[in-house]
Every structure is written in structure tokens, then in C-alpha cells.
């Protein structure tokens, strides 16, 4: 298995789903997904709050730094 820190998000999802399915069964996995994937709160309002005061240049620099880490 690939080390967790080297997995892509898609690879990590697949491993996590397999683990949950093995340990909880199909019904348990479905329940977990229903509870944890449905989302809560007001994403639009929350996004506006955490993005307040961030410039386009800062966002672009953040993207560049993340891509350099990959």
C-alpha cells in the first residue's frame, strides 16, 4: 500500500471506503456516508467569511504553493 501522505485524495478515499466497508459492512458504510457527506450549515455564508479580505494574488500564490508540494 502507498503511504498515506503520498496518496492522492481519490486513492485515499478508495482505501478509506474499503476499510469502512470491511469493518462496518455495506450498511455501515452507507450510514457513514449519509451522516458525513450530506453537509451541514451554510457553505455560501461560511465561504464568504473565510474569504473576506483575501486578494486574488493571495489565492493564486496559495495555488502555486500547493502545486509545488505535489
PDB file of N, CA and C in Angstrom:
ATOM      1  N   UNK A   1       0.848  -1.182   0.000  1.00  0.00           N
ATOM      2  CA  UNK A   1       0.000   0.000   0.000  1.00  0.00           C
ATOM      3  C   UNK A   1       0.890   1.240   0.000  1.00  0.00           C
ATOM      4  N   UNK A   2       0.438   2.268  -0.692  1.00  0.00           N
ATOM      5  CA  UNK A   2       1.127   3.557  -0.742  1.00  0.00           C
ATOM      6  C   UNK A   2       0.995   4.234   0.620  1.00  0.00           C
ATOM      7  N   UNK A   3       2.063   4.921   1.057  1.00  0.00           N
ATOM      8  CA  UNK A   3       1.989   5.678   2.303  1.00  0.00           C
ATOM      9  C   UNK A   3       0.891   6.738   2.187  1.00  0.00           C
ATOM     10  N   UNK A   4       0.174   6.955   3.263  1.00  0.00           N
ATOM     11  CA  UNK A   4      -0.964   7.884   3.246  1.00  0.00           C
ATOM     12  C   UNK A   4      -0.570   9.249   2.717  1.00  0.00           C
ATOM     13  N   UNK A   5       0.573   9.761   3.127  1.00  0.00           N
ATOM     14  CA  UNK A   5       0.973  11.110   2.708  1.00  0.00           C
ATOM     15  C   UNK A   5       1.300  11.201   1.214  1.00  0.00           C
ATOM     16  N   UNK A   6       1.462  10.061   0.557  1.00  0.00           N
ATOM     17  CA  UNK A   6       1.755  10.070  -0.881  1.00  0.00           C
ATOM     18  C   UNK A   6       0.523   9.771  -1.734  1.00  0.00           C
ATOM     19  N   UNK A   7      -0.598   9.445  -1.086  1.00  0.00           N
ATOM     20  CA  UNK A   7      -1.831   9.131  -1.812  1.00  0.00           C
ATOM     21  C   UNK A   7      -2.498  10.401  -2.318  1.00  0.00           C
ATOM     22  N   UNK A   8      -3.112  10.288  -3.473  1.00  0.00           N
ATOM     23  CA  UNK A   8      -3.996  11.357  -3.929  1.00  0.00           C
ATOM     24  C   UNK A   8      -5.271  11.283  -3.094  1.00  0.00           C
ATOM     25  N   UNK A   9      -6.085  12.307  -3.164  1.00  0.00           N
ATOM     26  CA  UNK A   9      -7.353  12.280  -2.448  1.00  0.00           C
ATOM     27  C   UNK A   9      -8.226  11.122  -2.923  1.00  0.00           C
ATOM     28  N   UNK A  10      -8.227  10.862  -4.215  1.00  0.00           N
ATOM     29  CA  UNK A  10      -9.038   9.765  -4.763  1.00  0.00           C
ATOM     30  C   UNK A  10      -8.539   8.418  -4.245  1.00  0.00           C
ATOM     31  N   UNK A  11      -7.229   8.228  -4.194  1.00  0.00           N
ATOM     32  CA  UNK A  11      -6.674   6.976  -3.674  1.00  0.00           C
ATOM     33  C   UNK A  11      -7.007   6.814  -2.187  1.00  0.00           C
ATOM     34  N   UNK A  12      -6.879   7.906  -1.431  1.00  0.00           N
ATOM     35  CA  UNK A  12      -7.207   7.861  -0.003  1.00  0.00           C
ATOM     36  C   UNK A  12      -8.670   7.513   0.203  1.00  0.00           C
ATOM     37  N   UNK A  13      -9.561   8.137  -0.568  1.00  0.00           N
ATOM     38  CA  UNK A  13     -10.991   7.831  -0.491  1.00  0.00           C
ATOM     39  C   UNK A  13     -11.243   6.346  -0.719  1.00  0.00           C
ATOM     40  N   UNK A  14     -10.624   5.790  -1.751  1.00  0.00           N
ATOM     41  CA  UNK A  14     -10.835   4.377  -2.085  1.00  0.00           C
ATOM     42  C   UNK A  14     -10.378   3.475  -0.944  1.00  0.00           C
ATOM     43  N   UNK A  15      -9.216   3.750  -0.378  1.00  0.00           N
ATOM     44  CA  UNK A  15      -8.705   2.944   0.730  1.00  0.00           C
ATOM     45  C   UNK A  15      -9.624   3.080   1.945  1.00  0.00           C
ATOM     46  N   UNK A  16     -10.038   4.314   2.244  1.00  0.00           N
ATOM     47  CA  UNK A  16     -10.910   4.549   3.397  1.00  0.00           C
ATOM     48  C   UNK A  16     -12.253   3.846   3.215  1.00  0.00           C
ATOM     49  N   UNK A  17     -12.830   3.919   2.026  1.00  0.00           N
ATOM     50  CA  UNK A  17     -14.105   3.249   1.767  1.00  0.00           C
ATOM     51  C   UNK A  17     -13.962   1.740   1.918  1.00  0.00           C
ATOM     52  N   UNK A  18     -12.878   1.181   1.384  1.00  0.00           N
ATOM     53  CA  UNK A  18     -12.649  -0.255   1.522  1.00  0.00           C
ATOM     54  C   UNK A  18     -12.534  -0.657   2.995  1.00  0.00           C
ATOM     55  N   UNK A  19     -11.816   0.135   3.765  1.00  0.00           N
ATOM     56  CA  UNK A  19     -11.645  -0.130   5.184  1.00  0.00           C
ATOM     57  C   UNK A  19     -12.985  -0.071   5.926  1.00  0.00           C
ATOM     58  N   UNK A  20     -13.746   0.992   5.667  1.00  0.00           N
ATOM     59  CA  UNK A  20     -15.048   1.122   6.312  1.00  0.00           C
ATOM     60  C   UNK A  20     -15.982  -0.018   5.918  1.00  0.00           C
ATOM     61  N   UNK A  21     -15.980  -0.381   4.645  1.00  0.00           N
ATOM     62  CA  UNK A  21     -16.848  -1.471   4.182  1.00  0.00           C
ATOM     63  C   UNK A  21     -16.449  -2.788   4.842  1.00  0.00           C
ATOM     64  N   UNK A  22     -15.158  -3.032   4.951  1.00  0.00           N
ATOM     65  CA  UNK A  22     -14.686  -4.272   5.566  1.00  0.00           C
ATOM     66  C   UNK A  22     -15.051  -4.312   7.054  1.00  0.00           C
ATOM     67  N   UNK A  23     -14.874  -3.191   7.738  1.00  0.00           N
ATOM     68  CA  UNK A  23     -15.097  -3.166   9.191  1.00  0.00           C
ATOM     69  C   UNK A  23     -16.568  -2.987   9.574  1.00  0.00           C
ATOM     70  N   UNK A  24     -17.314  -2.227   8.793  1.00  0.00           N
ATOM     71  CA  UNK A  24     -18.699  -1.908   9.150  1.00  0.00           C
ATOM     72  C   UNK A  24     -19.727  -2.638   8.305  1.00  0.00           C
ATOM     73  N   UNK A  25     -19.297  -3.206   7.192  1.00  0.00           N
ATOM     74  CA  UNK A  25     -20.229  -3.816   6.257  1.00  0.00           C
ATOM     75  C   UNK A  25     -20.820  -2.750   5.344  1.00  0.00           C
ATOM     76  N   UNK A  26     -21.533  -3.201   4.325  1.00  0.00           N
ATOM     77  CA  UNK A  26     -22.100  -2.287   3.339  1.00  0.00           C
ATOM     78  C   UNK A  26     -23.094  -1.328   3.990  1.00  0.00           C
ATOM     79  N   UNK A  27     -23.939  -1.857   4.889  1.00  0.00           N
ATOM     80  CA  UNK A  27     -24.926  -0.992   5.551  1.00  0.00           C
ATOM     81  C   UNK A  27     -24.243   0.065   6.416  1.00  0.00           C
ATOM     82  N   UNK A  28     -23.185  -0.324   7.106  1.00  0.00           N
ATOM     83  CA  UNK A  28     -22.448   0.630   7.938  1.00  0.00           C
ATOM     84  C   UNK A  28     -21.778   1.704   7.112  1.00  0.00           C
ATOM     85  N   UNK A  29     -21.200   1.302   5.975  1.00  0.00           N
ATOM     86  CA  UNK A  29     -20.579   2.276   5.075  1.00  0.00           C
ATOM     87  C   UNK A  29     -21.627   3.253   4.560  1.00  0.00           C
ATOM     88  N   UNK A  30     -22.787   2.742   4.161  1.00  0.00           N
ATOM     89  CA  UNK A  30     -23.857   3.616   3.665  1.00  0.00           C
ATOM     90  C   UNK A  30     -24.302   4.599   4.744  1.00  0.00           C
ATOM     91  N   UNK A  31     -24.412   4.124   5.972  1.00  0.00           N
ATOM     92  CA  UNK A  31     -24.800   5.013   7.076  1.00  0.00           C
ATOM     93  C   UNK A  31     -23.741   6.085   7.308  1.00  0.00           C
ATOM     94  N   UNK A  32     -22.477   5.690   7.298  1.00  0.00           N
ATOM     95  CA  UNK A  32     -21.390   6.651   7.482  1.00  0.00           C
ATOM     96  C   UNK A  32     -21.447   7.735   6.410  1.00  0.00           C
ATOM     97  N   UNK A  33     -21.610   7.327   5.162  1.00  0.00           N
ATOM     98  CA  UNK A  33     -21.665   8.296   4.063  1.00  0.00           C
ATOM     99  C   UNK A  33     -22.863   9.226   4.210  1.00  0.00           C
ATOM    100  N   UNK A  34     -23.987   8.677   4.596  1.00  0.00           N
ATOM    101  CA  UNK A  34     -25.181   9.507   4.776  1.00  0.00           C
ATOM    102  C   UNK A  34     -24.955  10.545   5.873  1.00  0.00           C
ATOM    103  N   UNK A  35     -24.312  10.158   6.950  1.00  0.00           N
ATOM    104  CA  UNK A  35     -24.092  11.061   8.075  1.00  0.00           C
ATOM    105  C   UNK A  35     -23.001  12.097   7.796  1.00  0.00           C
ATOM    106  N   UNK A  36     -21.986  11.709   7.052  1.00  0.00           N
ATOM    107  CA  UNK A  36     -20.808  12.569   6.924  1.00  0.00           C
ATOM    108  C   UNK A  36     -20.619  13.219   5.558  1.00  0.00           C
ATOM    109  N   UNK A  37     -21.454  12.925   4.609  1.00  0.00           N
ATOM    110  CA  UNK A  37     -21.317  13.519   3.284  1.00  0.00           C
ATOM    111  C   UNK A  37     -22.448  14.486   2.955  1.00  0.00           C
ATOM    112  N   UNK A  38     -23.466  14.535   3.805  1.00  0.00           N
ATOM    113  CA  UNK A  38     -24.621  15.353   3.468  1.00  0.00           C
ATOM    114  C   UNK A  38     -24.349  16.839   3.669  1.00  0.00           C
ATOM    115  N   UNK A  39     -23.372  17.194   4.481  1.00  0.00           N
ATOM    116  CA  UNK A  39     -23.051  18.600   4.714  1.00  0.00           C
ATOM    117  C   UNK A  39     -24.018  19.246   5.689  1.00  0.00           C
ATOM    118  N   UNK A  40     -23.506  20.210   6.388  1.00  0.00           N
ATOM    119  CA  UNK A  40     -24.317  20.942   7.352  1.00  0.00           C
ATOM    120  C   UNK A  40     -23.945  22.408   7.251  1.00  0.00           C
ATOM    121  N   UNK A  41     -24.837  23.248   7.675  1.00  0.00           N
ATOM    122  CA  UNK A  41     -24.541  24.670   7.720  1.00  0.00           C
ATOM    123  C   UNK A  41     -24.797  25.356   6.393  1.00  0.00           C
ATOM    124  N   UNK A  42     -24.310  26.573   6.299  1.00  0.00           N
ATOM    125  CA  UNK A  42     -24.495  27.414   5.121  1.00  0.00           C
ATOM    126  C   UNK A  42     -23.132  27.650   4.479  1.00  0.00           C
ATOM    127  N   UNK A  43     -22.786  26.814   3.502  1.00  0.00           N
ATOM    128  CA  UNK A  43     -21.466  26.883   2.884  1.00  0.00           C
ATOM    129  C   UNK A  43     -21.209  28.249   2.261  1.00  0.00           C
ATOM    130  N   UNK A  44     -22.202  28.839   1.613  1.00  0.00           N
ATOM    131  CA  UNK A  44     -22.020  30.140   0.964  1.00  0.00           C
ATOM    132  C   UNK A  44     -21.654  31.205   1.985  1.00  0.00           C
ATOM    133  N   UNK A  45     -22.382  31.253   3.078  1.00  0.00           N
ATOM    134  CA  UNK A  45     -22.078  32.232   4.123  1.00  0.00           C
ATOM    135  C   UNK A  45     -20.694  31.975   4.730  1.00  0.00           C
ATOM    136  N   UNK A  46     -20.404  30.710   5.028  1.00  0.00           N
ATOM    137  CA  UNK A  46     -19.112  30.372   5.628  1.00  0.00           C
ATOM    138  C   UNK A  46     -17.963  30.718   4.690  1.00  0.00           C
ATOM    139  N   UNK A  47     -18.134  30.428   3.392  1.00  0.00           N
ATOM    140  CA  UNK A  47     -17.084  30.735   2.408  1.00  0.00           C
ATOM    141  C   UNK A  47     -16.839  32.235   2.340  1.00  0.00           C
ATOM    142  N   UNK A  48     -17.896  33.008   2.326  1.00  0.00           N
ATOM    143  CA  UNK A  48     -17.738  34.465   2.293  1.00  0.00           C
ATOM    144  C   UNK A  48     -16.969  34.962   3.515  1.00  0.00           C
ATOM    145  N   UNK A  49     -17.204  34.347   4.670  1.00  0.00           N
ATOM    146  CA  UNK A  49     -16.500  34.754   5.884  1.00  0.00           C
ATOM    147  C   UNK A  49     -15.010  34.436   5.801  1.00  0.00           C
ATOM    148  N   UNK A  50     -14.659  33.204   5.406  1.00  0.00           N
ATOM    149  CA  UNK A  50     -13.244  32.866   5.405  1.00  0.00           C
ATOM    150  C   UNK A  50     -12.486  33.453   4.224  1.00  0.00           C
ATOM    151  N   UNK A  51     -13.192  33.900   3.202  1.00  0.00           N
ATOM    152  CA  UNK A  51     -12.519  34.531   2.064  1.00  0.00           C
ATOM    153  C   UNK A  51     -12.457  36.050   2.179  1.00  0.00           C
ATOM    154  N   UNK A  52     -13.154  36.607   3.144  1.00  0.00           N
ATOM    155  CA  UNK A  52     -13.162  38.058   3.327  1.00  0.00           C
ATOM    156  C   UNK A  52     -11.724  38.553   3.531  1.00  0.00           C
ATOM    157  N   UNK A  53     -11.322  39.534   2.745  1.00  0.00           N
ATOM    158  CA  UNK A  53     -10.000  40.127   2.891  1.00  0.00           C
ATOM    159  C   UNK A  53      -8.889  39.398   2.144  1.00  0.00           C
ATOM    160  N   UNK A  54      -9.206  38.317   1.442  1.00  0.00           N
ATOM    161  CA  UNK A  54      -8.185  37.591   0.673  1.00  0.00           C
ATOM    162  C   UNK A  54      -8.184  38.141  -0.752  1.00  0.00           C
ATOM    163  N   UNK A  55      -7.012  38.503  -1.233  1.00  0.00           N
ATOM    164  CA  UNK A  55      -6.911  39.049  -2.583  1.00  0.00           C
ATOM    165  C   UNK A  55      -6.747  37.923  -3.611  1.00  0.00           C
ATOM    166  N   UNK A  56      -6.992  38.244  -4.856  1.00  0.00           N
ATOM    167  CA  UNK A  56      -6.803  37.277  -5.942  1.00  0.00           C
ATOM    168  C   UNK A  56      -5.342  36.844  -5.996  1.00  0.00           C
ATOM    169  N   UNK A  57      -4.414  37.779  -5.763  1.00  0.00           N
ATOM    170  CA  UNK A  57      -2.992  37.443  -5.760  1.00  0.00           C
ATOM    171  C   UNK A  57      -2.662  36.425  -4.665  1.00  0.00           C
ATOM    172  N   UNK A  58      -3.284  36.571  -3.494  1.00  0.00           N
ATOM    173  CA  UNK A  58      -3.049  35.613  -2.407  1.00  0.00           C
ATOM    174  C   UNK A  58      -3.593  34.233  -2.756  1.00  0.00           C
ATOM    175  N   UNK A  59      -4.736  34.202  -3.395  1.00  0.00           N
ATOM    176  CA  UNK A  59      -5.311  32.925  -3.813  1.00  0.00           C
ATOM    177  C   UNK A  59      -4.403  32.256  -4.847  1.00  0.00           C
ATOM    178  N   UNK A  60      -3.938  33.027  -5.820  1.00  0.00           N
ATOM    179  CA  UNK A  60      -3.056  32.482  -6.859  1.00  0.00           C
ATOM    180  C   UNK A  60      -1.762  31.953  -6.241  1.00  0.00           C
ATOM    181  N   UNK A  61      -1.200  32.679  -5.278  1.00  0.00           N
ATOM    182  CA  UNK A  61       0.034  32.232  -4.623  1.00  0.00           C
ATOM    183  C   UNK A  61      -0.206  30.947  -3.843  1.00  0.00           C
ATOM    184  N   UNK A  62      -1.351  30.839  -3.188  1.00  0.00           N
ATOM    185  CA  UNK A  62      -1.693  29.630  -2.459  1.00  0.00           C
ATOM    186  C   UNK A  62      -1.775  28.429  -3.407  1.00  0.00           C
ATOM    187  N   UNK A  63      -2.359  28.627  -4.570  1.00  0.00           N
ATOM    188  CA  UNK A  63      -2.447  27.557  -5.576  1.00  0.00           C
ATOM    189  C   UNK A  63      -1.054  27.155  -6.039  1.00  0.00           C
ATOM    190  N   UNK A  64      -0.213  28.150  -6.333  1.00  0.00           N
ATOM    191  CA  UNK A  64       1.164  27.848  -6.761  1.00  0.00           C
ATOM    192  C   UNK A  64       1.907  27.030  -5.710  1.00  0.00           C
ATOM    193  N   UNK A  65       1.774  27.407  -4.441  1.00  0.00           N
ATOM    194  CA  UNK A  65       2.467  26.681  -3.374  1.00  0.00           C
ATOM    195  C   UNK A  65       1.973  25.251  -3.247  1.00  0.00           C
ATOM    196  N   UNK A  66       0.652  25.041  -3.334  1.00  0.00           N
ATOM    197  CA  UNK A  66       0.113  23.684  -3.259  1.00  0.00           C
ATOM    198  C   UNK A  66       0.601  22.825  -4.420  1.00  0.00           C
ATOM    199  N   UNK A  67       0.633  23.409  -5.610  1.00  0.00           N
ATOM    200  CA  UNK A  67       1.095  22.635  -6.773  1.00  0.00           C
ATOM    201  C   UNK A  67       2.563  22.293  -6.650  1.00  0.00           C
ATOM    202  N   UNK A  68       3.352  23.175  -6.054  1.00  0.00           N
ATOM    203  CA  UNK A  68       4.781  22.907  -5.867  1.00  0.00           C
ATOM    204  C   UNK A  68       5.011  21.755  -4.880  1.00  0.00           C
ATOM    205  N   UNK A  69       4.084  21.570  -3.956  1.00  0.00           N
ATOM    206  CA  UNK A  69       4.195  20.493  -2.962  1.00  0.00           C
ATOM    207  C   UNK A  69       3.895  19.125  -3.556  1.00  0.00           C
ATOM    208  N   UNK A  70       3.154  19.081  -4.656  1.00  0.00           N
ATOM    209  CA  UNK A  70       2.730  17.789  -5.241  1.00  0.00           C
ATOM    210  C   UNK A  70       3.829  17.110  -5.931  1.00  0.00           C
TER     211      UNK A  70
END
